[in-house]
Amino acid sequence: MDIHLERIDSCRWIIPKTGKMRVPGLIFSNEHLLKDIQNDQSLLQVCNVAAMPGIVGYSLAMPDMHWGYGFPIGGVAAFDADDGVISPGGVGYDINCGCRLMTTSLRAPDMTGLMPALVSELFKNIPTGLGSRSSVHLSKKDQDRVAVEGAAWAVKNGYGEPEDLDRTEDRGTMPGADPLVVSERARKRGIDQLGTLGSGNHFLEIQVVDAIYDSKKAKSFGLFEGQVTIFIHSGSRGYGHQICDDFLKEMGTKIPADSLQLLDRQLICAPISSDLGRRYISGMACAANYAWANRQILMHWTKEVFLRALRISPAELGMHLLYDVCHNIAKRETHTVNNEKKTLYVHRKGATRAFPPGHPLLPDVYRSSGQPVLIPGDMGTFSYVLAGAEAAMEQSFGSSCHGAGRVLSRSKAVKMSKGRSIHRELEDKGIFVQSRGKKTLKEEMPDAYKDVSQVVGVVHDAGLATKVARLRPLGVIKG
């Protein structure tokens, strides 16, 4: 299908409403990134999402967009809470996959000669890789408490400090979680994975702040040039994956796709007001809370490794959570559509909130600066910290991109890396990496991703979020 795009300006494109589309598509991209976008079927997926029942405004896609299950990764869509639908494909399999950024009092010169040993210690002590198991032993009752309480459960059980919750999206707890809707298979998959990093594009990265773009916001975020920071990217592991899979199968069995006039079977969904829709939302909340607890525990263990490996005191380390954001989620929010306030379920799949200064859902510490927006690169590339801006509320339901976005499938990346030593290439750049999987570094090599600087540039130029700081990798562990 040939998708017709109409250019609005240097970073926004419209797909006019045609055929069964209920709303237009709105793509945030520049011309360079658009060439990669047009190489897959993600633009068609934007059109398919635009035909779903109850969608309002636009079917949106961020500059890191690429093909995904049902929705494009980088897709954002909002559905009316009264007559709209909830879609597992619009959230993704890894429910509440997200990022957590920690600051320290350390400076890059403090790490001279120490990085290889520190990366090795992190790799030994942070469970990584497909099917990795944690030293956190949960009873069934504990697992249900995690599903309801989220990051608060982790803090209550000694993993971190109460003030961490003030710097976590929604304080690390999504309301409405009901463990009774979670299958026994999902419970079994999640019982020993709390406190594990996972595989694929999940990582723990030590970085240095190498550029400041907005000194005032950087100061409010606790960032300064030359500072050592730590980025964690992980999600709800097998627990969330199974919850998604269970509800996709149930919806596929109970709801005929033609009854909702869906253009793609992978967009299977349920009315928000239905019993099945409400149960999925409760299950999604369980997985979201599991993911927040997971990242809270990973942060706590990372701090312990730093203290032991560097033989310094907590005061000397000065590690604090800057913020934790989720990427794959559907949130009940209030937005203005056609000059009318509406309650919506905003699906962000491979996208993150970018709320502006003054937004009521922001914690007090960021009420005047705007929400920290965390955009990771991958191993050999920069990561960025931005701040949410008012235009995001006007254009994208308060949303931004979530990363660089793939341009190569994992199999193509492995093929392209044949004969190369990705580990050596990164080390030659001063980046020390350890990974669990034999193919991980090849699958996740920097060439497999878009230029994150261009992706962030589009977000900044479109006014969705403003650049605050750039982070350069020093050491990475992956699954």
Protein backbone atom coordinates (compact mmCIF):
# COMPACT_ATOMS: atom_id res chain seq x y z
CA MET A 1 0.00 0.00 0.00
CA ASP A 2 1.37 3.40 -1.01
CA ILE A 3 1.07 5.78 1.95
CA HIS A 4 0.56 9.42 1.00
CA LEU A 5 2.44 11.85 3.26
CA GLU A 6 1.87 15.58 3.37
CA ARG A 7 4.66 17.67 4.85
CA ILE A 8 3.70 20.19 7.56
CA ASP A 9 7.22 21.38 8.35
CA SER A 10 10.76 20.01 8.78
CA CYS A 11 9.75 17.53 11.49
CA ARG A 12 6.02 16.76 11.05
CA TRP A 13 4.10 14.86 8.36
CA ILE A 14 0.40 14.12 7.97
CA ILE A 15 -1.20 10.98 6.58
CA PRO A 16 -4.63 12.25 5.44
CA LYS A 17 -7.69 10.37 6.63
CA THR A 18 -8.65 7.91 3.88
CA GLY A 19 -10.59 4.66 3.63
CA LYS A 20 -11.55 3.35 7.07
CA MET A 21 -9.28 5.71 8.99
CA ARG A 22 -11.26 7.56 11.67
CA VAL A 23 -8.48 10.10 12.29
CA PRO A 24 -5.41 11.26 10.33
CA GLY A 25 -1.92 10.00 11.05
CA LEU A 26 0.74 12.36 12.38
CA ILE A 27 4.39 11.40 11.98
CA PHE A 28 7.23 13.18 13.75
CA SER A 29 10.31 12.79 11.56
CA ASN A 30 12.82 14.61 9.39
CA GLU A 31 13.59 13.70 5.78
CA HIS A 32 16.65 11.66 6.67
CA LEU A 33 14.83 9.46 9.20
CA LEU A 34 11.81 9.15 6.93
CA LYS A 35 13.87 7.13 4.44
CA ASP A 36 14.39 4.41 7.05
CA ILE A 37 10.75 4.60 8.17
CA GLN A 38 9.56 3.96 4.61
CA ASN A 39 11.60 0.75 4.43
CA ASP A 40 9.17 -1.18 6.65
CA GLN A 41 5.40 -1.37 7.20
CA SER A 42 5.19 0.99 10.18
CA LEU A 43 3.42 3.75 8.23
CA LEU A 44 0.73 1.24 7.23
CA GLN A 45 0.43 0.31 10.91
CA VAL A 46 -0.19 3.99 11.73
CA CYS A 47 -3.10 3.91 9.25
CA ASN A 48 -4.44 0.66 10.69
CA VAL A 49 -4.39 2.09 14.22
CA ALA A 50 -6.22 5.18 12.91
CA ALA A 51 -9.19 2.94 12.03
CA MET A 52 -9.67 1.54 15.54
CA PRO A 53 -12.90 2.24 17.46
CA GLY A 54 -12.91 5.26 19.77
CA ILE A 55 -9.58 6.72 18.67
CA VAL A 56 -9.37 10.51 19.00
CA GLY A 57 -7.08 13.20 17.60
CA TYR A 58 -4.41 11.45 15.56
CA SER A 59 -2.72 8.10 15.19
CA LEU A 60 0.77 9.24 16.15
CA ALA A 61 4.29 7.97 15.59
CA MET A 62 7.55 9.25 17.03
CA PRO A 63 10.83 9.65 15.08
CA ASP A 64 12.19 6.34 16.42
CA MET A 65 9.25 4.48 14.89
CA HIS A 66 9.63 1.06 13.30
CA TRP A 67 7.51 -2.01 12.64
CA GLY A 68 6.07 -3.77 15.68
CA TYR A 69 3.29 -6.13 16.72
CA GLY A 70 0.03 -4.43 15.65
CA PHE A 71 1.03 -0.91 16.62
CA PRO A 72 4.32 0.47 15.35
CA ILE A 73 7.01 0.76 18.00
CA GLY A 74 7.08 4.49 18.66
CA GLY A 75 3.30 4.62 18.26
CA VAL A 76 0.93 6.70 20.39
CA ALA A 77 -2.86 6.54 20.27
CA ALA A 78 -5.55 7.81 22.64
CA PHE A 79 -8.98 6.21 22.99
CA ASP A 80 -12.11 7.64 24.57
CA ALA A 81 -12.60 6.09 28.01
CA ASP A 82 -16.34 5.63 27.39
CA ASP A 83 -16.54 4.15 23.90
CA GLY A 84 -12.93 3.35 23.03
CA VAL A 85 -10.86 0.17 23.22
CA ILE A 86 -7.83 -1.11 25.07
CA SER A 87 -5.27 -2.98 22.95
CA PRO A 88 -2.45 -5.24 24.20
CA GLY A 89 -0.68 -4.64 20.89
CA GLY A 90 -0.77 -0.93 21.65
CA VAL A 91 1.10 -1.53 24.89
CA GLY A 92 3.47 -4.28 23.83
CA TYR A 93 4.64 -7.58 25.22
CA ASP A 94 7.16 -6.06 27.63
CA ILE A 95 4.66 -4.10 29.72
CA ASN A 96 6.30 -1.10 31.39
CA CYS A 97 9.63 -1.62 29.75
CA GLY A 98 11.28 1.59 30.89
CA CYS A 99 14.34 3.55 31.91
CA ARG A 100 15.81 4.72 35.20
CA LEU A 101 18.64 7.25 35.41
CA MET A 102 20.77 7.68 38.51
CA THR A 103 23.17 10.54 39.21
CA THR A 104 26.32 10.39 41.35
CA SER A 105 28.85 12.77 42.88
CA LEU A 106 31.59 11.04 40.88
CA ARG A 107 33.41 12.65 37.97
CA ALA A 108 34.85 10.88 34.95
CA PRO A 109 38.50 11.28 36.11
CA ASP A 110 37.52 9.39 39.28
CA MET A 111 36.90 6.32 37.09
CA THR A 112 40.30 6.27 35.32
CA GLY A 113 41.48 2.67 35.11
CA LEU A 114 38.54 1.38 37.16
CA MET A 115 35.95 0.78 34.44
CA PRO A 116 36.88 -2.81 33.39
CA ALA A 117 36.76 -4.07 36.99
CA LEU A 118 33.55 -2.17 37.76
CA VAL A 119 31.79 -3.51 34.67
CA SER A 120 32.94 -7.01 35.60
CA GLU A 121 31.54 -6.66 39.14
CA LEU A 122 28.21 -5.40 37.83
CA PHE A 123 28.05 -8.31 35.40
CA LYS A 124 28.72 -10.78 38.23
CA ASN A 125 26.12 -9.30 40.56
CA ILE A 126 23.26 -8.17 38.29
CA PRO A 127 21.38 -11.16 36.80
CA THR A 128 21.32 -10.76 33.03
CA GLY A 129 20.23 -12.72 30.00
CA LEU A 130 17.27 -14.71 28.76
CA GLY A 131 15.61 -16.63 31.59
CA SER A 132 17.97 -15.25 34.22
CA ARG A 133 16.98 -15.83 37.84
CA SER A 134 17.10 -13.49 40.81
CA SER A 135 18.23 -13.94 44.40
CA VAL A 136 14.95 -12.32 45.49
CA HIS A 137 12.82 -15.22 46.68
CA LEU A 138 9.13 -14.40 46.44
CA SER A 139 6.31 -16.32 48.02
CA LYS A 140 3.01 -16.27 46.15
CA LYS A 141 1.71 -13.69 48.62
CA ASP A 142 4.81 -11.55 48.09
CA GLN A 143 4.41 -11.75 44.33
CA ASP A 144 0.83 -10.52 44.63
CA ARG A 145 1.98 -7.67 46.86
CA VAL A 146 4.58 -6.69 44.25
CA ALA A 147 1.83 -6.72 41.61
CA VAL A 148 -0.29 -4.31 43.67
CA GLU A 149 2.34 -2.11 45.34
CA GLY A 150 5.08 -1.86 42.68
CA ALA A 151 8.22 0.07 43.59
CA ALA A 152 6.78 0.78 47.04
CA TRP A 153 7.05 -2.94 47.85
CA ALA A 154 10.74 -2.90 46.95
CA VAL A 155 11.44 0.17 49.11
CA LYS A 156 9.44 -1.30 51.99
CA ASN A 157 11.62 -4.42 51.80
CA GLY A 158 14.93 -2.58 51.92
CA TYR A 159 15.65 -1.95 48.26
CA GLY A 160 16.16 1.80 48.14
CA GLU A 161 14.79 4.86 49.88
CA PRO A 162 11.28 6.37 50.18
CA GLU A 163 12.39 9.47 48.25
CA ASP A 164 13.01 7.23 45.21
CA LEU A 165 9.24 6.99 44.81
CA ASP A 166 9.01 10.79 44.45
CA ARG A 167 11.19 10.51 41.34
CA THR A 168 9.38 7.59 39.73
CA GLU A 169 6.52 8.02 37.27
CA ASP A 170 3.24 7.63 39.18
CA ARG A 171 5.39 6.93 42.26
CA GLY A 172 6.05 3.48 40.85
CA THR A 173 2.53 2.17 41.40
CA MET A 174 -0.26 1.88 38.86
CA PRO A 175 -3.72 1.71 40.47
CA GLY A 176 -6.26 -0.98 39.71
CA ALA A 177 -3.92 -3.97 39.74
CA ASP A 178 -5.65 -7.28 40.49
CA PRO A 179 -3.44 -10.39 40.79
CA LEU A 180 -6.55 -12.58 40.47
CA VAL A 181 -6.62 -11.92 36.71
CA VAL A 182 -3.03 -13.15 36.28
CA SER A 183 -2.63 -16.71 35.00
CA GLU A 184 -0.69 -19.39 36.83
CA ARG A 185 1.77 -19.54 33.94
CA ALA A 186 2.50 -15.81 34.25
CA ARG A 187 2.99 -16.22 38.00
CA LYS A 188 5.47 -19.06 37.46
CA ARG A 189 7.43 -17.07 34.90
CA GLY A 190 7.68 -14.09 37.24
CA ILE A 191 8.31 -15.82 40.56
CA ASP A 192 12.13 -15.82 40.25
CA GLN A 193 12.77 -12.95 37.83
CA LEU A 194 12.25 -9.91 40.06
CA GLY A 195 15.61 -8.16 40.09
CA THR A 196 16.85 -9.32 36.67
CA LEU A 197 17.92 -7.20 33.71
CA GLY A 198 16.78 -9.44 30.89
CA SER A 199 18.10 -9.76 27.36
CA GLY A 200 17.94 -8.06 23.97
CA ASN A 201 18.07 -4.29 24.15
CA HIS A 202 17.92 -4.19 27.95
CA PHE A 203 21.07 -2.87 29.57
CA LEU A 204 22.79 -1.25 32.50
CA GLU A 205 25.17 1.49 31.39
CA ILE A 206 27.71 3.69 33.16
CA GLN A 207 27.92 7.08 31.46
CA VAL A 208 29.46 10.53 31.71
CA VAL A 209 27.60 13.80 31.12
CA ASP A 210 29.55 15.25 28.19
CA ALA A 211 27.29 18.15 27.15
CA ILE A 212 24.82 20.47 28.87
CA TYR A 213 22.23 22.26 26.70
CA ASP A 214 20.09 23.91 29.37
CA SER A 215 22.07 24.79 32.49
CA LYS A 216 19.04 25.80 34.56
CA LYS A 217 17.11 22.58 33.94
CA ALA A 218 20.28 20.50 34.26
CA LYS A 219 20.87 21.98 37.70
CA SER A 220 17.30 21.19 38.76
CA PHE A 221 17.85 17.61 37.54
CA GLY A 222 21.12 17.35 39.50
CA LEU A 223 23.28 17.07 36.36
CA PHE A 224 26.67 18.65 35.68
CA GLU A 225 29.31 18.23 32.96
CA GLY A 226 31.81 15.44 33.61
CA GLN A 227 29.45 13.69 36.05
CA VAL A 228 29.16 9.90 36.19
CA THR A 229 25.59 8.61 35.75
CA ILE A 230 23.99 5.15 35.47
CA PHE A 231 21.18 4.20 33.08
CA ILE A 232 19.03 1.09 33.61
CA HIS A 233 16.72 -0.20 30.86
CA SER A 234 14.51 -3.16 31.79
CA GLY A 235 10.87 -4.20 32.08
CA SER A 236 8.42 -6.73 33.48
CA ARG A 237 10.32 -9.79 32.23
CA GLY A 238 8.47 -13.07 31.58
CA TYR A 239 5.68 -12.01 33.94
CA GLY A 240 4.55 -9.10 31.76
CA HIS A 241 5.20 -10.99 28.52
CA GLN A 242 2.90 -13.81 29.60
CA ILE A 243 0.16 -11.43 30.77
CA CYS A 244 0.18 -9.80 27.35
CA ASP A 245 0.15 -13.15 25.55
CA ASP A 246 -2.69 -14.50 27.70
CA PHE A 247 -4.96 -11.55 26.97
CA LEU A 248 -4.12 -11.45 23.27
CA LYS A 249 -5.24 -15.07 23.02
CA GLU A 250 -8.39 -14.50 25.07
CA MET A 251 -9.39 -11.44 23.07
CA GLY A 252 -8.68 -13.28 19.82
CA THR A 253 -10.97 -16.10 20.91
CA LYS A 254 -13.82 -14.03 22.32
CA ILE A 255 -13.89 -10.96 20.07
CA PRO A 256 -14.22 -11.42 16.30
CA ALA A 257 -11.90 -8.95 14.56
CA ASP A 258 -14.56 -8.05 12.01
CA SER A 259 -16.94 -7.01 14.80
CA LEU A 260 -14.58 -4.14 15.57
CA GLN A 261 -13.71 -3.59 11.88
CA LEU A 262 -10.00 -3.98 12.60
CA LEU A 263 -7.62 -3.76 9.64
CA ASP A 264 -5.02 -6.02 11.26
CA ARG A 265 -5.62 -9.10 13.39
CA GLN A 266 -2.70 -8.05 15.62
CA LEU A 267 -4.74 -5.02 16.72
CA ILE A 268 -7.17 -7.25 18.57
CA CYS A 269 -8.62 -5.30 21.48
CA ALA A 270 -11.58 -5.06 23.85
CA PRO A 271 -13.94 -2.22 24.73
CA ILE A 272 -12.55 -0.38 27.75
CA SER A 273 -15.94 -0.67 29.43
CA SER A 274 -16.18 -4.45 28.95
CA ASP A 275 -15.29 -7.07 31.54
CA LEU A 276 -12.45 -8.34 29.34
CA GLY A 277 -11.14 -4.81 28.81
CA ARG A 278 -11.22 -4.08 32.53
CA ARG A 279 -9.47 -7.35 33.34
CA TYR A 280 -6.69 -6.62 30.86
CA ILE A 281 -6.18 -3.18 32.40
CA SER A 282 -5.91 -4.82 35.84
CA GLY A 283 -3.41 -7.37 34.51
CA MET A 284 -1.41 -4.68 32.73
CA ALA A 285 -1.21 -2.77 36.02
CA CYS A 286 0.16 -5.88 37.75
CA ALA A 287 2.92 -6.15 35.15
CA ALA A 288 3.64 -2.41 35.29
CA ASN A 289 4.06 -2.59 39.06
CA TYR A 290 6.31 -5.64 38.76
CA ALA A 291 8.52 -3.70 36.32
CA TRP A 292 8.81 -0.69 38.64
CA ALA A 293 9.78 -2.98 41.53
CA ASN A 294 12.27 -4.71 39.24
CA ARG A 295 14.07 -1.49 38.31
CA GLN A 296 14.02 -0.32 41.93
CA ILE A 297 15.80 -3.51 43.02
CA LEU A 298 18.29 -3.29 40.14
CA MET A 299 19.14 0.27 41.19
CA HIS A 300 19.71 -0.80 44.79
CA TRP A 301 22.05 -3.62 43.78
CA THR A 302 23.91 -1.32 41.39
CA LYS A 303 24.56 1.08 44.26
CA GLU A 304 25.87 -1.77 46.42
CA VAL A 305 28.26 -2.86 43.65
CA PHE A 306 29.61 0.69 43.24
CA LEU A 307 30.21 1.02 46.97
CA ARG A 308 32.05 -2.32 47.20
CA ALA A 309 34.03 -2.04 43.98
CA LEU A 310 35.15 1.56 44.52
CA ARG A 311 35.52 1.18 48.31
CA ILE A 312 33.82 4.47 49.01
CA SER A 313 31.08 5.62 51.36
CA PRO A 314 27.46 6.34 50.33
CA ALA A 315 28.17 10.04 50.90
CA GLU A 316 31.16 9.93 48.55
CA LEU A 317 29.17 8.08 45.91
CA GLY A 318 26.16 10.36 46.20
CA MET A 319 23.93 8.13 44.08
CA HIS A 320 20.38 9.40 43.64
CA LEU A 321 17.51 8.56 41.32
CA LEU A 322 16.93 11.31 38.77
CA TYR A 323 13.76 9.75 37.31
CA ASP A 324 12.13 6.52 36.14
CA VAL A 325 9.86 6.52 33.08
CA CYS A 326 7.91 3.73 31.39
CA HIS A 327 7.67 3.11 27.66
CA ASN A 328 5.06 0.42 27.05
CA ILE A 329 1.85 1.31 28.84
CA ALA A 330 -1.73 2.58 28.52
CA LYS A 331 -2.60 5.32 31.00
CA ARG A 332 -5.93 6.86 31.97
CA GLU A 333 -5.35 10.60 31.52
CA THR A 334 -7.23 13.84 30.89
CA HIS A 335 -6.44 15.71 27.67
CA THR A 336 -8.02 18.50 25.66
CA VAL A 337 -9.35 17.36 22.27
CA ASN A 338 -11.08 19.92 20.03
CA ASN A 339 -11.27 22.37 22.95
CA GLU A 340 -13.01 19.78 25.13
CA LYS A 341 -11.49 17.99 28.11
CA LYS A 342 -11.76 14.23 27.73
CA THR A 343 -10.81 11.19 29.78
CA LEU A 344 -8.70 8.98 27.56
CA TYR A 345 -6.63 5.82 27.64
CA VAL A 346 -3.35 6.88 26.06
CA HIS A 347 -1.41 3.95 24.59
CA ARG A 348 2.35 4.58 24.41
CA LYS A 349 4.22 1.74 22.77
CA GLY A 350 7.89 2.59 22.56
CA ALA A 351 7.03 6.13 23.63
CA THR A 352 7.20 7.98 26.91
CA ARG A 353 5.40 10.75 28.73
CA ALA A 354 6.78 14.27 28.23
CA PHE A 355 4.66 16.36 30.58
CA PRO A 356 5.45 20.10 30.68
CA PRO A 357 6.13 22.40 33.65
CA GLY A 358 3.10 22.81 35.89
CA HIS A 359 1.42 19.52 34.95
CA PRO A 360 -0.52 18.21 37.97
CA LEU A 361 0.83 14.66 37.62
CA LEU A 362 4.44 15.78 38.01
CA PRO A 363 6.19 15.40 41.37
CA ASP A 364 6.89 18.64 43.21
CA VAL A 365 10.62 18.40 42.51
CA TYR A 366 9.99 18.69 38.74
CA ARG A 367 6.83 20.80 38.74
CA SER A 368 8.69 23.94 37.58
CA SER A 369 11.18 22.31 35.19
CA GLY A 370 8.99 19.80 33.40
CA GLN A 371 9.25 16.02 33.46
CA PRO A 372 12.66 14.46 32.80
CA VAL A 373 12.46 12.60 29.48
CA LEU A 374 15.07 9.84 29.22
CA ILE A 375 16.18 8.80 25.71
CA PRO A 376 18.82 6.03 25.70
CA GLY A 377 21.12 5.21 22.84
CA ASP A 378 22.65 1.75 22.63
CA MET A 379 26.16 0.81 23.80
CA GLY A 380 28.29 2.92 21.45
CA THR A 381 25.97 5.88 21.08
CA PHE A 382 24.91 8.87 23.17
CA SER A 383 21.89 8.99 25.46
CA TYR A 384 19.92 12.16 26.16
CA VAL A 385 18.02 13.80 28.96
CA LEU A 386 15.25 16.17 27.91
CA ALA A 387 12.45 18.03 29.69
CA GLY A 388 8.80 17.80 28.72
CA ALA A 389 7.36 20.85 26.95
CA GLU A 390 3.91 22.37 26.50
CA ALA A 391 3.72 21.54 22.80
CA ALA A 392 3.62 17.85 23.70
CA MET A 393 0.24 18.39 25.33
CA GLU A 394 -1.01 20.13 22.20
CA GLN A 395 0.40 17.69 19.64
CA SER A 396 1.07 14.25 21.11
CA PHE A 397 -1.01 13.71 24.26
CA GLY A 398 2.07 14.63 26.30
CA SER A 399 4.33 12.07 24.61
CA SER A 400 7.86 11.81 23.25
CA CYS A 401 10.07 9.14 21.68
CA HIS A 402 11.75 6.49 23.83
CA GLY A 403 15.05 5.70 22.12
CA ALA A 404 16.84 5.56 18.78
CA GLY A 405 14.67 2.91 17.11
CA ARG A 406 15.91 -0.04 15.09
CA VAL A 407 16.81 0.12 11.41
CA LEU A 408 18.04 -3.48 11.19
CA SER A 409 16.29 -6.61 12.40
CA ARG A 410 18.33 -8.74 14.77
CA SER A 411 19.01 -11.32 12.06
CA LYS A 412 20.20 -8.62 9.61
CA ALA A 413 22.39 -7.08 12.29
CA VAL A 414 24.06 -10.47 12.93
CA LYS A 415 24.60 -10.89 9.20
CA MET A 416 26.08 -7.40 8.80
CA SER A 417 28.42 -7.91 11.75
CA LYS A 418 29.99 -11.05 10.28
CA GLY A 419 33.75 -10.90 10.57
CA ARG A 420 33.64 -7.97 13.00
CA SER A 421 34.43 -7.89 16.71
CA ILE A 422 31.82 -5.54 18.16
CA HIS A 423 33.34 -5.97 21.60
CA ARG A 424 36.73 -4.80 20.31
CA GLU A 425 35.23 -1.93 18.31
CA LEU A 426 33.52 -0.60 21.43
CA GLU A 427 36.61 -1.05 23.60
CA ASP A 428 38.63 0.92 21.06
CA LYS A 429 36.20 3.78 21.75
CA GLY A 430 36.82 3.45 25.47
CA ILE A 431 33.55 1.57 26.15
CA PHE A 432 33.88 -1.64 28.18
CA VAL A 433 31.09 -4.16 27.55
CA GLN A 434 30.11 -7.54 28.92
CA SER A 435 27.14 -9.54 27.63
CA ARG A 436 25.55 -12.90 28.42
CA GLY A 437 24.23 -13.98 25.03
CA LYS A 438 26.61 -15.04 22.25
CA LYS A 439 24.81 -12.95 19.64
CA THR A 440 23.71 -10.03 21.83
CA LEU A 441 26.46 -7.58 20.89
CA LYS A 442 25.95 -8.31 17.20
CA GLU A 443 22.17 -8.00 17.42
CA GLU A 444 22.43 -4.78 19.43
CA MET A 445 25.41 -3.15 17.70
CA PRO A 446 25.11 0.63 17.18
CA ASP A 447 24.67 0.16 13.40
CA ALA A 448 21.36 -1.60 14.07
CA TYR A 449 19.82 1.64 15.33
CA LYS A 450 18.93 5.05 13.95
CA ASP A 451 21.07 8.07 14.74
CA VAL A 452 19.73 8.93 18.19
CA SER A 453 20.98 12.52 17.86
CA GLN A 454 18.69 13.01 14.85
CA VAL A 455 15.78 11.36 16.63
CA VAL A 456 16.23 13.64 19.64
CA GLY A 457 16.67 16.61 17.31
CA VAL A 458 13.20 16.02 15.85
CA VAL A 459 11.63 15.82 19.31
CA HIS A 460 13.39 19.04 20.34
CA ASP A 461 12.54 20.92 17.12
CA ALA A 462 8.90 19.82 17.26
CA GLY A 463 8.67 21.20 20.80
CA LEU A 464 7.68 17.90 22.42
CA ALA A 465 10.63 18.09 24.81
CA THR A 466 13.72 20.27 25.10
CA LYS A 467 17.29 19.02 25.28
CA VAL A 468 18.93 19.26 28.69
CA ALA A 469 22.03 17.04 28.60
CA ARG A 470 23.91 14.41 26.60
CA LEU A 471 25.44 11.28 28.14
CA ARG A 472 28.34 9.26 26.70
CA PRO A 473 28.79 5.55 27.53
CA LEU A 474 31.79 4.29 29.51
CA GLY A 475 30.75 0.76 30.44
CA VAL A 476 27.81 -1.51 29.65
CA ILE A 477 26.39 -4.86 30.71
CA LYS A 478 23.79 -6.65 28.58
CA GLY A 479 21.93 -9.93 28.58
